[in-house]
Protein backbone atom coordinates (compact mmCIF):
# COMPACT_ATOMS: atom_id res chain seq x y z
CA MET A 1 -44.58 -8.32 27.28
CA THR A 2 -43.15 -5.26 29.20
CA GLU A 3 -41.11 -2.37 27.35
CA CYS A 4 -38.52 -3.19 29.46
CA ALA A 5 -36.67 -6.11 28.95
CA ILE A 6 -34.13 -6.68 31.95
CA ARG A 7 -35.42 -4.65 35.70
CA LEU A 8 -32.55 -4.73 38.27
CA LEU A 9 -33.92 -3.53 41.79
CA ASN A 10 -32.06 -2.69 44.31
CA LEU A 11 -29.44 -5.04 43.15
CA THR A 12 -26.17 -5.16 45.74
CA LYS A 13 -23.74 -7.98 45.78
CA ARG A 14 -21.22 -8.56 48.61
CA PHE A 15 -17.90 -10.83 48.22
CA ASP A 16 -16.94 -12.55 50.89
CA GLY A 17 -13.97 -11.03 52.58
CA GLU A 18 -14.74 -7.63 50.97
CA GLN A 19 -15.74 -4.91 53.80
CA GLU A 20 -17.71 -2.97 51.20
CA PRO A 21 -20.81 -4.35 48.82
CA ALA A 22 -18.41 -4.18 44.91
CA VAL A 23 -22.23 -3.02 44.12
CA SER A 24 -24.73 -1.35 46.59
CA ALA A 25 -29.09 -0.84 46.11
CA LEU A 26 -28.69 -0.72 42.21
CA SER A 27 -31.45 0.08 40.05
CA LEU A 28 -32.16 0.38 36.58
CA ASP A 29 -34.76 -0.09 33.90
CA VAL A 30 -32.83 -1.51 30.37
CA PRO A 31 -35.41 -1.09 27.84
CA ARG A 32 -36.47 -3.33 25.17
CA GLY A 33 -34.30 -3.00 22.05
CA ARG A 34 -32.22 -0.80 23.39
CA THR A 35 -28.43 -0.84 23.94
CA VAL A 36 -27.60 0.42 27.16
CA ALA A 37 -23.69 0.92 27.88
CA LEU A 38 -22.21 0.70 32.20
CA ILE A 39 -19.35 2.62 32.50
CA GLY A 40 -17.23 4.10 35.34
CA PRO A 41 -14.15 3.67 36.81
CA SER A 42 -12.52 -0.01 37.58
CA GLY A 43 -13.89 -0.64 40.78
CA CYS A 44 -17.43 0.42 40.13
CA GLY A 45 -19.37 -2.63 40.04
CA LYS A 46 -19.89 -2.70 35.78
CA THR A 47 -18.91 -6.19 35.18
CA THR A 48 -20.10 -8.11 38.50
CA THR A 49 -23.84 -5.88 37.88
CA LEU A 50 -23.55 -7.07 34.23
CA ARG A 51 -22.36 -11.14 35.27
CA MET A 52 -25.62 -10.94 37.99
CA ILE A 53 -27.65 -10.40 35.06
CA ASN A 54 -26.92 -14.17 33.40
CA ARG A 55 -25.99 -15.38 36.87
CA LEU A 56 -22.78 -16.14 36.69
CA VAL A 57 -22.74 -14.26 40.34
CA GLU A 58 -25.72 -14.59 42.07
CA PRO A 59 -26.38 -11.02 43.78
CA THR A 60 -26.74 -10.87 47.82
CA SER A 61 -29.83 -9.22 47.17
CA GLY A 62 -32.30 -7.02 45.33
CA ARG A 63 -34.37 -8.59 42.15
CA ILE A 64 -33.89 -8.82 38.50
CA GLU A 65 -36.54 -9.16 36.18
CA ILE A 66 -36.30 -10.40 32.92
CA ASP A 67 -39.63 -9.45 30.49
CA GLY A 68 -40.99 -9.15 33.99
CA GLU A 69 -39.71 -12.41 35.15
CA ASP A 70 -37.65 -13.34 38.21
CA ALA A 71 -34.59 -14.53 37.11
CA SER A 72 -33.81 -16.11 40.11
CA ALA A 73 -36.46 -18.64 39.33
CA ARG A 74 -35.64 -19.24 36.15
CA PRO A 75 -33.02 -23.07 35.89
CA VAL A 76 -29.53 -21.39 35.35
CA ALA A 77 -28.53 -23.88 32.06
CA GLU A 78 -32.29 -22.46 30.94
CA LEU A 79 -31.14 -18.57 31.56
CA ARG A 80 -28.13 -18.35 30.15
CA ARG A 81 -29.00 -19.47 26.95
CA SER A 82 -31.41 -17.44 26.30
CA ILE A 83 -28.79 -14.69 26.84
CA GLY A 84 -25.77 -14.25 24.44
CA TYR A 85 -22.62 -13.39 25.82
CA VAL A 86 -19.73 -11.73 24.57
CA ILE A 87 -16.80 -11.51 25.85
CA GLN A 88 -13.39 -9.29 25.73
CA GLU A 89 -11.04 -12.13 25.63
CA VAL A 90 -14.26 -13.46 22.66
CA GLY A 91 -13.42 -17.62 24.61
CA LEU A 92 -13.62 -19.45 21.37
CA PHE A 93 -12.60 -23.18 21.75
CA PRO A 94 -9.73 -23.77 20.09
CA HIS A 95 -10.10 -27.24 19.06
CA GLN A 96 -13.42 -26.52 17.24
CA THR A 97 -13.82 -24.68 13.77
CA VAL A 98 -15.21 -21.30 12.94
CA SER A 99 -18.68 -22.78 12.89
CA GLN A 100 -18.98 -25.30 15.51
CA ASN A 101 -17.83 -22.60 17.67
CA ILE A 102 -21.01 -20.49 16.18
CA ALA A 103 -23.33 -23.34 16.19
CA THR A 104 -22.63 -23.46 20.05
CA VAL A 105 -25.84 -23.19 21.63
CA PRO A 106 -27.99 -24.94 18.83
CA ARG A 107 -26.41 -28.20 19.55
CA MET A 108 -26.90 -27.57 23.35
CA LEU A 109 -30.69 -26.73 22.18
CA ARG A 110 -30.73 -30.12 19.86
CA TRP A 111 -31.18 -28.30 16.63
CA ASP A 112 -31.12 -30.49 14.02
CA ARG A 113 -28.51 -30.70 11.91
CA GLY A 114 -30.37 -28.43 8.58
CA ARG A 115 -31.49 -26.22 11.05
CA ILE A 116 -27.79 -25.19 12.58
CA ASP A 117 -25.79 -25.17 9.32
CA GLU A 118 -28.71 -23.12 7.65
CA ARG A 119 -28.39 -20.51 11.01
CA VAL A 120 -24.60 -20.85 10.17
CA ALA A 121 -24.54 -19.43 6.98
CA GLU A 122 -27.02 -16.91 7.93
CA LEU A 123 -24.92 -15.46 10.80
CA ALA A 124 -21.91 -16.19 8.66
CA ASP A 125 -23.37 -13.17 5.85
CA LEU A 126 -24.58 -11.21 9.30
CA LEU A 127 -21.05 -11.06 10.53
CA GLY A 128 -19.30 -10.26 7.58
CA LEU A 129 -17.57 -13.70 7.91
CA GLU A 130 -16.52 -16.02 4.57
CA THR A 131 -17.51 -19.46 3.86
CA GLU A 132 -14.51 -20.39 4.03
CA GLN A 133 -13.39 -19.35 6.81
CA LEU A 134 -15.81 -21.04 9.15
CA GLY A 135 -13.42 -24.60 8.15
CA ARG A 136 -10.97 -22.47 10.31
CA TYR A 137 -9.99 -22.92 14.09
CA PRO A 138 -9.49 -19.64 15.92
CA ASP A 139 -5.83 -19.74 15.73
CA GLU A 140 -5.96 -18.64 12.40
CA LEU A 141 -7.98 -15.93 12.80
CA SER A 142 -7.12 -11.94 13.41
CA GLY A 143 -8.52 -10.59 16.49
CA GLY A 144 -11.26 -8.69 15.07
CA GLN A 145 -12.14 -11.72 12.63
CA GLN A 146 -12.20 -14.20 16.56
CA GLN A 147 -14.75 -11.16 18.26
CA ARG A 148 -17.20 -11.84 14.55
CA VAL A 149 -17.18 -15.32 15.41
CA GLY A 150 -18.16 -14.67 19.08
CA VAL A 151 -20.93 -12.11 18.45
CA ALA A 152 -22.24 -14.78 16.40
CA ARG A 153 -21.70 -17.63 18.59
CA ALA A 154 -23.45 -15.19 21.07
CA LEU A 155 -27.00 -15.16 18.76
CA ALA A 156 -26.91 -17.91 17.57
CA ALA A 157 -30.07 -19.59 19.31
CA ASP A 158 -32.01 -16.28 18.63
CA PRO A 159 -31.60 -14.59 22.38
CA PRO A 160 -33.36 -11.46 23.08
CA VAL A 161 -31.17 -10.38 25.24
CA LEU A 162 -26.76 -9.47 24.78
CA LEU A 163 -24.55 -9.24 27.42
CA MET A 164 -21.02 -8.04 25.99
CA ASP A 165 -18.38 -7.22 28.94
CA GLU A 166 -15.65 -5.08 26.92
CA PRO A 167 -16.13 -6.82 23.53
CA PHE A 168 -13.66 -4.44 21.55
CA GLY A 169 -11.62 -3.81 24.43
CA ALA A 170 -8.73 -6.30 23.11
CA VAL A 171 -8.52 -5.18 19.27
CA ASP A 172 -6.83 -2.21 18.15
CA PRO A 173 -7.71 1.10 17.84
CA ILE A 174 -9.11 0.77 14.10
CA VAL A 175 -10.59 -2.45 14.27
CA ARG A 176 -12.27 -1.13 17.30
CA THR A 177 -14.13 1.49 15.60
CA ARG A 178 -14.34 -0.81 12.61
CA LEU A 179 -16.57 -3.71 15.17
CA GLN A 180 -18.26 -0.84 16.56
CA ASP A 181 -19.86 1.11 13.36
CA GLU A 182 -20.72 -2.77 12.53
CA LEU A 183 -22.39 -3.74 16.50
CA LEU A 184 -24.78 -1.15 15.51
CA ALA A 185 -25.33 -1.75 11.37
CA LEU A 186 -26.43 -4.72 13.52
CA GLN A 187 -28.54 -3.52 15.88
CA GLU A 188 -30.04 -1.67 13.98
CA ARG A 189 -31.34 -4.67 11.78
CA LEU A 190 -31.92 -6.93 15.01
CA ARG A 191 -33.55 -4.77 17.81
CA LYS A 192 -31.76 -6.98 20.28
CA THR A 193 -32.15 -5.95 24.02
CA ILE A 194 -28.24 -5.01 24.48
CA VAL A 195 -26.15 -4.24 28.00
CA ILE A 196 -22.20 -3.01 27.16
CA VAL A 197 -19.78 -3.17 29.63
CA THR A 198 -16.88 -0.06 28.82
CA HIS A 199 -14.62 2.10 30.33
CA ASP A 200 -14.28 4.01 27.03
CA ILE A 201 -16.83 6.79 27.59
CA ASP A 202 -16.08 7.63 23.62
CA GLU A 203 -17.31 3.98 23.21
CA ALA A 204 -20.37 4.15 25.65
CA VAL A 205 -21.98 7.41 23.69
CA LYS A 206 -21.20 6.12 20.33
CA VAL A 207 -22.76 2.66 20.89
CA ALA A 208 -25.26 3.24 23.36
CA ASP A 209 -29.47 4.12 23.78
CA ASN A 210 -28.60 5.08 26.85
CA VAL A 211 -25.54 5.43 29.71
CA ALA A 212 -25.61 4.38 32.91
CA LEU A 213 -22.71 5.76 34.66
CA LEU A 214 -21.56 4.34 37.82
CA ASN A 215 -18.83 5.36 40.77
CA ILE A 216 -16.87 3.28 43.33
CA GLY A 217 -19.44 0.18 45.15
CA GLY A 218 -21.95 0.53 42.39
CA LYS A 219 -23.43 3.76 43.04
CA LEU A 220 -25.31 4.75 39.86
CA GLU A 221 -24.69 8.63 39.82
CA GLN A 222 -26.55 8.94 35.92
CA TYR A 223 -28.43 7.17 33.89
CA ALA A 224 -29.62 9.45 30.45
CA ALA A 225 -29.33 9.35 26.88
CA PRO A 226 -25.47 10.40 25.70
CA ASP A 227 -26.85 13.46 24.74
CA ASP A 228 -28.36 14.88 27.76
CA LEU A 229 -24.89 13.01 29.79
CA LEU A 230 -22.43 15.20 28.21
CA HIS A 231 -24.81 17.92 28.18
CA SER A 232 -26.16 17.94 31.54
CA PRO A 233 -23.42 16.28 34.33
CA ALA A 234 -25.63 15.54 37.21
CA ASN A 235 -22.36 16.00 39.46
CA ALA A 236 -18.82 16.78 40.03
CA PHE A 237 -18.06 13.08 39.86
CA VAL A 238 -20.01 12.63 36.49
CA GLU A 239 -18.25 16.29 35.18
CA GLN A 240 -14.89 15.39 36.15
CA PHE A 241 -15.38 11.97 34.73
CA LEU A 242 -16.78 13.15 31.45
CA GLY A 243 -14.11 15.30 30.84
CA GLU A 244 -13.51 19.31 29.75
CA ASP A 245 -13.74 17.91 25.82
CA ARG A 246 -17.38 17.36 26.34
CA GLU A 247 -18.80 19.07 23.16
CA MET A 248 -16.42 17.58 20.94
CA LYS A 249 -17.69 13.91 23.01
CA ARG A 250 -20.61 15.12 21.41
CA LEU A 251 -19.94 15.10 18.12
CA ALA A 252 -20.24 11.40 17.88
CA LEU A 253 -24.07 11.30 18.43
CA LYS A 254 -24.05 13.03 14.28
CA ARG A 255 -23.33 11.16 11.42
CA VAL A 256 -21.42 12.32 8.38
CA GLY A 257 -24.90 11.37 6.57
CA ASP A 258 -26.90 13.94 8.88
CA LEU A 259 -25.19 16.59 7.56
CA PRO A 260 -26.44 18.78 4.19
CA PHE A 261 -24.82 17.77 0.97
CA GLU A 262 -21.76 19.98 0.32
CA ARG A 263 -20.24 19.10 -2.44
CA GLY A 264 -16.97 20.94 -2.32
CA PRO A 265 -14.05 21.94 -4.61
CA VAL A 266 -14.67 18.64 -7.14
CA LEU A 267 -15.65 18.41 -10.66
CA ASP A 268 -16.30 16.02 -13.00
CA LEU A 269 -12.88 14.94 -14.78
CA GLY A 270 -14.62 15.69 -18.57
CA ALA A 271 -14.91 19.43 -16.81
CA ALA A 272 -13.16 22.52 -18.75
CA PRO A 273 -9.97 23.57 -17.09
CA ALA A 274 -11.41 27.32 -17.06
CA GLU A 275 -14.37 26.25 -14.65
CA ALA A 276 -12.09 24.67 -12.19
CA ARG A 277 -9.87 27.38 -12.26
CA ALA A 278 -13.10 29.41 -11.19
CA LEU A 279 -14.12 27.39 -8.85
CA LEU A 280 -10.83 26.67 -6.92
CA GLY A 281 -10.85 30.14 -6.69
CA ASP A 282 -14.76 30.27 -5.07
CA ALA A 283 -13.34 28.55 -2.77
CA ARG A 284 -10.25 29.34 -1.93
CA SER A 285 -8.84 25.38 -1.97
CA GLU A 286 -6.09 24.46 -3.01
CA TRP A 287 -6.44 21.34 -4.17
CA LEU A 288 -9.10 20.18 -6.74
CA GLY A 289 -11.17 17.04 -6.63
CA LEU A 290 -12.38 15.42 -9.43
CA THR A 291 -14.45 12.23 -9.88
CA GLN A 292 -15.37 9.50 -13.03
CA ASP A 293 -18.40 7.85 -13.89
CA GLU A 294 -19.68 9.41 -9.92
CA ARG A 295 -16.73 7.81 -8.34
CA PHE A 296 -13.99 10.21 -6.64
CA ALA A 297 -11.48 9.87 -9.03
CA GLY A 298 -8.28 11.71 -6.39
CA TRP A 299 -6.71 14.96 -5.77
CA VAL A 300 -5.25 17.70 -8.09
CA PRO A 301 -2.90 20.81 -6.21
CA ARG A 302 -4.14 23.80 -7.49
CA GLU A 303 -0.93 24.77 -9.65
CA ARG A 304 -1.22 21.84 -11.81
CA VAL A 305 -4.86 22.99 -12.36
CA ASP A 306 -3.51 26.58 -13.20
CA THR A 307 -1.60 25.09 -16.18
CA ALA A 308 -3.40 22.34 -17.52
CA ALA A 309 -4.62 22.20 -21.08
CA THR A 310 -7.35 19.03 -19.96
CA LEU A 311 -8.14 17.80 -16.79
CA ASP A 312 -8.18 14.16 -17.20
CA ALA A 313 -4.34 14.04 -18.27
CA LEU A 314 -3.85 14.99 -14.42
CA PRO A 315 -1.57 12.93 -12.30
CA ARG A 316 -3.84 12.95 -9.14
CA GLU A 317 -3.72 11.58 -5.84
CA LEU A 318 -5.92 9.25 -4.49
CA PRO A 319 -7.99 10.32 -1.55
CA ALA A 320 -6.28 9.66 2.18
CA ALA A 321 -9.37 11.32 4.53
CA GLN A 322 -13.03 9.49 3.62
CA VAL A 323 -15.04 8.92 5.77
CA HIS A 324 -18.34 7.14 5.19
CA PRO A 325 -22.42 8.14 5.45
CA GLY A 326 -22.06 6.47 8.81
CA SER A 327 -19.16 8.03 10.35
CA THR A 328 -19.24 10.13 13.36
CA LEU A 329 -18.77 13.73 13.29
CA ARG A 330 -15.92 13.10 15.61
CA GLU A 331 -14.55 10.52 13.19
CA ALA A 332 -14.56 12.77 10.62
CA MET A 333 -13.21 15.70 12.10
CA GLU A 334 -10.59 13.37 13.23
CA VAL A 335 -9.81 11.94 9.56
CA ILE A 336 -9.70 16.29 8.22
CA MET A 337 -7.44 17.10 10.97
CA ASN A 338 -4.74 14.30 9.48
CA SER A 339 -5.71 15.59 5.77
CA ARG A 340 -3.42 17.65 3.34
CA THR A 341 -6.62 18.49 1.61
CA SER A 342 -8.61 20.12 4.66
CA VAL A 343 -11.44 18.23 3.85
CA ALA A 344 -12.80 14.28 4.19
CA VAL A 345 -14.91 12.77 1.12
CA ILE A 346 -17.61 10.51 1.40
CA ASP A 347 -17.42 7.11 -0.07
CA ASP A 348 -21.33 6.44 -0.03
CA GLY A 349 -21.20 2.62 -1.48
CA GLY A 350 -18.08 3.53 -3.49
CA ARG A 351 -19.80 6.76 -4.79
CA PHE A 352 -19.06 9.83 -4.77
CA GLY A 353 -21.34 11.39 -1.26
CA GLY A 354 -19.93 14.63 -0.95
CA VAL A 355 -17.23 16.03 1.41
CA VAL A 356 -17.30 17.07 4.69
CA THR A 357 -15.16 20.29 5.89
CA LEU A 358 -13.84 21.62 9.12
CA GLU A 359 -16.00 24.71 8.91
CA GLN A 360 -19.59 22.25 8.89
CA ILE A 361 -18.28 20.73 12.05
CA ARG A 362 -17.71 23.96 13.52
CA SER A 363 -21.34 24.93 12.95
CA GLU A 364 -22.44 22.16 14.33
CA LEU A 365 -20.53 22.61 17.62
CA ALA A 366 -21.94 25.96 17.96
CA ARG A 367 -25.56 24.61 17.28
CA ARG A 368 -25.63 22.13 19.80
CA ALA A 369 -23.82 24.43 22.59
CA SER A 370 -26.47 26.95 22.32
């Protein structure tokens, strides 16, 4: 098999009655097992391009190859069953249970009952769906849960290609961030070839290996890895679309877990108060963090530490500012800016994994700008 999973060759789409093409002579290679984001202003043809790949929209001219084979030579139904498809509105069947929705394509492929049940259970576990949710109907689920079911349904027949059209656009920002993280973790395990349409440059930078920035009429302005796109815009259009905070956006490319470990002003509950006071003096911090059994137990303001006989009896404030090793530095910075303690605690699977400070993030910004 070729290393290029999807190849668009001079792809053009003209809709009846429209003077200008929706997509004009677009050529693009999507590497196998990688995620490519299509992004651009409204009317740039990104959704039309996506829908041409699975032939929901037929090209006016040009060619689409999937695994080196002309997509137009395959029966449409066969092609679509080999490509997972996730849309913003999810499109779950309201009269079917979660389990039945996930099993849609395997049933069409006439899998036996045992194989279908096994696959549904496997995907439920993979997507974080509880067993008891499998018997529910879509309207009994939250927006985020419905989107997980949509992804599970798209993956049910184990297609090598997954197309996603604004998959997280209809959920709130907190759920969107969580779903983006889940997509990254899923891709790390499955290594599907994913093409995702998004209007959000931050989302594209976060989830994609390569970003294709389209202009009106489906003109490809730049196709590059996120770091290259942000560091070296190809022209004025790209620079304007990306905005003035390109270096800040580049923080989304680095994970908290990539930083050197920093313990910060944090001690075990059993430490002596004198040690705590010395640590706060050296760190010039107004807060002391305390751990117990390798778990973060909370923050104590400096004035309480100054008069404490023991640390374990001090009332603590549980941390509101937490990140995880997989969080981006941009997410960490936003958490820190909203934190009373000016640091973010790293929760590494329930264990204390150190802290992230603004100084660390400033250093990373300076390093990446040099």
